[in-house]
Amino acid sequence: MIMFWWLALLNTAAALVSSGFGIAAMLRPRALAPTEHKPADRFYAVMYGARSVPLGIAVAIGVWIMPASPALALLLAVAAIAQIVDIITGVRTRLWTMVGGAAFATLCHLSGIGVVLAG
């Protein structure tokens, strides 16, 4: 089944917001860090950005150019797993806005998988 346009739009928004946070983390790690800034924070911020930016861009493009593809289901599964890890990280650090955003993105990605596999 081809993904509904509104679900593709929600997945695009969730993916681009995640990419935006990845870029922000790379540029200003202190802005997103829950505790005092340590030298290693820059390293981990770049690691986060290196994952979130290309994955987010791939999802944002993929939902539009391959809306009924099994490859899209796999891509969305990878994105959902990454967001689940973000949820766990947010819970452990008590960053509830991170938990909320990642939960929303996870629901978007899992819904997209359901629609693609239903077809």
C-alpha atoms as a PDB file:
ATOM      1  CA  MET A   1       0.000   0.000   0.000  1.00  0.00           C
ATOM      2  CA  ILE A   2       1.229   3.500  -0.751  1.00  0.00           C
ATOM      3  CA  MET A   3       1.762   5.658   2.303  1.00  0.00           C
ATOM      4  CA  PHE A   4      -0.924   8.262   2.962  1.00  0.00           C
ATOM      5  CA  TRP A   5       0.296  11.772   2.110  1.00  0.00           C
ATOM      6  CA  TRP A   6      -0.308  13.025   5.650  1.00  0.00           C
ATOM      7  CA  LEU A   7       1.669  10.141   7.141  1.00  0.00           C
ATOM      8  CA  ALA A   8       4.507  10.826   4.714  1.00  0.00           C
ATOM      9  CA  LEU A   9       4.369  14.466   5.781  1.00  0.00           C
ATOM     10  CA  LEU A  10       4.477  13.544   9.493  1.00  0.00           C
ATOM     11  CA  ASN A  11       7.414  11.187   8.896  1.00  0.00           C
ATOM     12  CA  THR A  12       9.183  13.920   6.939  1.00  0.00           C
ATOM     13  CA  ALA A  13       8.647  16.447   9.732  1.00  0.00           C
ATOM     14  CA  ALA A  14       9.802  14.020  12.431  1.00  0.00           C
ATOM     15  CA  ALA A  15      12.889  13.075  10.420  1.00  0.00           C
ATOM     16  CA  LEU A  16      13.850  16.670   9.648  1.00  0.00           C
ATOM     17  CA  VAL A  17      13.377  17.767  13.262  1.00  0.00           C
ATOM     18  CA  SER A  18      15.657  14.912  14.346  1.00  0.00           C
ATOM     19  CA  SER A  19      18.203  16.007  11.737  1.00  0.00           C
ATOM     20  CA  GLY A  20      17.920  19.579  12.964  1.00  0.00           C
ATOM     21  CA  PHE A  21      18.693  18.496  16.518  1.00  0.00           C
ATOM     22  CA  GLY A  22      21.658  16.532  15.174  1.00  0.00           C
ATOM     23  CA  ILE A  23      23.002  19.633  13.458  1.00  0.00           C
ATOM     24  CA  ALA A  24      22.371  21.720  16.586  1.00  0.00           C
ATOM     25  CA  ALA A  25      24.179  19.124  18.705  1.00  0.00           C
ATOM     26  CA  MET A  26      27.200  19.238  16.418  1.00  0.00           C
ATOM     27  CA  LEU A  27      27.321  23.034  16.379  1.00  0.00           C
ATOM     28  CA  ARG A  28      26.526  23.669  20.058  1.00  0.00           C
ATOM     29  CA  PRO A  29      26.710  20.527  22.207  1.00  0.00           C
ATOM     30  CA  ARG A  30      26.157  22.534  25.385  1.00  0.00           C
ATOM     31  CA  ALA A  31      22.731  23.666  24.189  1.00  0.00           C
ATOM     32  CA  LEU A  32      21.401  20.094  24.305  1.00  0.00           C
ATOM     33  CA  ALA A  33      23.497  18.530  27.071  1.00  0.00           C
ATOM     34  CA  PRO A  34      21.590  17.896  30.330  1.00  0.00           C
ATOM     35  CA  THR A  35      24.605  18.475  32.598  1.00  0.00           C
ATOM     36  CA  GLU A  36      27.737  20.578  32.701  1.00  0.00           C
ATOM     37  CA  HIS A  37      29.826  20.631  29.552  1.00  0.00           C
ATOM     38  CA  LYS A  38      32.715  18.177  29.362  1.00  0.00           C
ATOM     39  CA  PRO A  39      35.308  17.848  26.573  1.00  0.00           C
ATOM     40  CA  ALA A  40      33.870  14.449  25.567  1.00  0.00           C
ATOM     41  CA  ASP A  41      30.448  16.044  24.972  1.00  0.00           C
ATOM     42  CA  ARG A  42      31.640  17.386  21.609  1.00  0.00           C
ATOM     43  CA  PHE A  43      32.625  13.892  20.520  1.00  0.00           C
ATOM     44  CA  TYR A  44      29.263  12.392  21.454  1.00  0.00           C
ATOM     45  CA  ALA A  45      27.364  15.289  19.914  1.00  0.00           C
ATOM     46  CA  VAL A  46      29.140  14.735  16.608  1.00  0.00           C
ATOM     47  CA  MET A  47      28.457  11.010  16.882  1.00  0.00           C
ATOM     48  CA  TYR A  48      24.744  11.766  17.392  1.00  0.00           C
ATOM     49  CA  GLY A  49      24.714  14.162  14.462  1.00  0.00           C
ATOM     50  CA  ALA A  50      26.538  11.688  12.239  1.00  0.00           C
ATOM     51  CA  ARG A  51      23.647   9.276  12.817  1.00  0.00           C
ATOM     52  CA  SER A  52      20.659  11.568  12.923  1.00  0.00           C
ATOM     53  CA  VAL A  53      21.381  13.874   9.991  1.00  0.00           C
ATOM     54  CA  PRO A  54      21.819  11.313   7.188  1.00  0.00           C
ATOM     55  CA  LEU A  55      19.132   9.006   8.605  1.00  0.00           C
ATOM     56  CA  GLY A  56      16.662  11.875   8.891  1.00  0.00           C
ATOM     57  CA  ILE A  57      17.379  13.076   5.371  1.00  0.00           C
ATOM     58  CA  ALA A  58      17.039   9.526   4.019  1.00  0.00           C
ATOM     59  CA  VAL A  59      13.637   9.105   5.707  1.00  0.00           C
ATOM     60  CA  ALA A  60      12.439  12.547   4.571  1.00  0.00           C
ATOM     61  CA  ILE A  61      13.279  11.704   0.969  1.00  0.00           C
ATOM     62  CA  GLY A  62      12.417   8.003   1.084  1.00  0.00           C
ATOM     63  CA  VAL A  63       8.788   8.429   2.138  1.00  0.00           C
ATOM     64  CA  TRP A  64       8.170  10.418  -1.035  1.00  0.00           C
ATOM     65  CA  ILE A  65      10.242   8.580  -3.654  1.00  0.00           C
ATOM     66  CA  MET A  66       9.554   4.973  -2.562  1.00  0.00           C
ATOM     67  CA  PRO A  67       6.261   5.116  -0.639  1.00  0.00           C
ATOM     68  CA  ALA A  68       5.334   1.451  -1.152  1.00  0.00           C
ATOM     69  CA  SER A  69       8.748  -0.175  -1.040  1.00  0.00           C
ATOM     70  CA  PRO A  70       9.940  -2.871   1.376  1.00  0.00           C
ATOM     71  CA  ALA A  71      13.191  -0.875   1.472  1.00  0.00           C
ATOM     72  CA  LEU A  72      11.227   2.025   2.970  1.00  0.00           C
ATOM     73  CA  ALA A  73       9.877  -0.284   5.669  1.00  0.00           C
ATOM     74  CA  LEU A  74      13.469  -1.272   6.527  1.00  0.00           C
ATOM     75  CA  LEU A  75      14.593   2.370   6.552  1.00  0.00           C
ATOM     76  CA  LEU A  76      11.700   3.340   8.814  1.00  0.00           C
ATOM     77  CA  ALA A  77      12.529   0.410  11.119  1.00  0.00           C
ATOM     78  CA  VAL A  78      16.099   1.662  11.484  1.00  0.00           C
ATOM     79  CA  ALA A  79      14.795   5.176  12.176  1.00  0.00           C
ATOM     80  CA  ALA A  80      12.299   3.848  14.741  1.00  0.00           C
ATOM     81  CA  ILE A  81      15.046   1.916  16.542  1.00  0.00           C
ATOM     82  CA  ALA A  82      17.204   5.044  16.670  1.00  0.00           C
ATOM     83  CA  GLN A  83      14.273   6.981  18.134  1.00  0.00           C
ATOM     84  CA  ILE A  84      13.620   4.253  20.716  1.00  0.00           C
ATOM     85  CA  VAL A  85      17.236   4.612  21.836  1.00  0.00           C
ATOM     86  CA  ASP A  86      16.614   8.374  22.097  1.00  0.00           C
ATOM     87  CA  ILE A  87      13.552   7.665  24.270  1.00  0.00           C
ATOM     88  CA  ILE A  88      15.646   5.487  26.586  1.00  0.00           C
ATOM     89  CA  THR A  89      18.347   8.158  26.740  1.00  0.00           C
ATOM     90  CA  GLY A  90      15.759  10.833  27.477  1.00  0.00           C
ATOM     91  CA  VAL A  91      14.213   8.800  30.289  1.00  0.00           C
ATOM     92  CA  ARG A  92      17.615   8.077  31.846  1.00  0.00           C
ATOM     93  CA  THR A  93      18.601  11.755  31.744  1.00  0.00           C
ATOM     94  CA  ARG A  94      15.090  13.019  32.584  1.00  0.00           C
ATOM     95  CA  LEU A  95      14.833  15.081  29.390  1.00  0.00           C
ATOM     96  CA  TRP A  96      11.092  14.752  28.935  1.00  0.00           C
ATOM     97  CA  THR A  97      10.912  16.901  25.800  1.00  0.00           C
ATOM     98  CA  MET A  98      13.419  14.528  24.208  1.00  0.00           C
ATOM     99  CA  VAL A  99      11.233  11.596  25.236  1.00  0.00           C
ATOM    100  CA  GLY A 100       8.132  13.241  23.781  1.00  0.00           C
ATOM    101  CA  GLY A 101       9.749  14.147  20.474  1.00  0.00           C
ATOM    102  CA  ALA A 102      11.350  10.752  20.037  1.00  0.00           C
ATOM    103  CA  ALA A 103       8.082   8.994  20.970  1.00  0.00           C
ATOM    104  CA  PHE A 104       6.225  11.025  18.337  1.00  0.00           C
ATOM    105  CA  ALA A 105       8.846  10.165  15.716  1.00  0.00           C
ATOM    106  CA  THR A 106       8.736   6.490  16.711  1.00  0.00           C
ATOM    107  CA  LEU A 107       4.952   6.405  16.296  1.00  0.00           C
ATOM    108  CA  CYS A 108       5.229   8.076  12.889  1.00  0.00           C
ATOM    109  CA  HIS A 109       7.871   5.609  11.706  1.00  0.00           C
ATOM    110  CA  LEU A 110       6.047   2.537  13.066  1.00  0.00           C
ATOM    111  CA  SER A 111       2.783   3.718  11.487  1.00  0.00           C
ATOM    112  CA  GLY A 112       4.604   4.123   8.187  1.00  0.00           C
ATOM    113  CA  ILE A 113       5.953   0.580   8.452  1.00  0.00           C
ATOM    114  CA  GLY A 114       2.440  -0.709   9.112  1.00  0.00           C
ATOM    115  CA  VAL A 115       1.011   1.030   6.056  1.00  0.00           C
ATOM    116  CA  VAL A 116       3.834  -0.095   3.772  1.00  0.00           C
ATOM    117  CA  LEU A 117       3.652  -3.723   4.928  1.00  0.00           C
ATOM    118  CA  ALA A 118      -0.155  -3.783   4.746  1.00  0.00           C
ATOM    119  CA  GLY A 119       0.005  -3.300   1.007  1.00  0.00           C
END
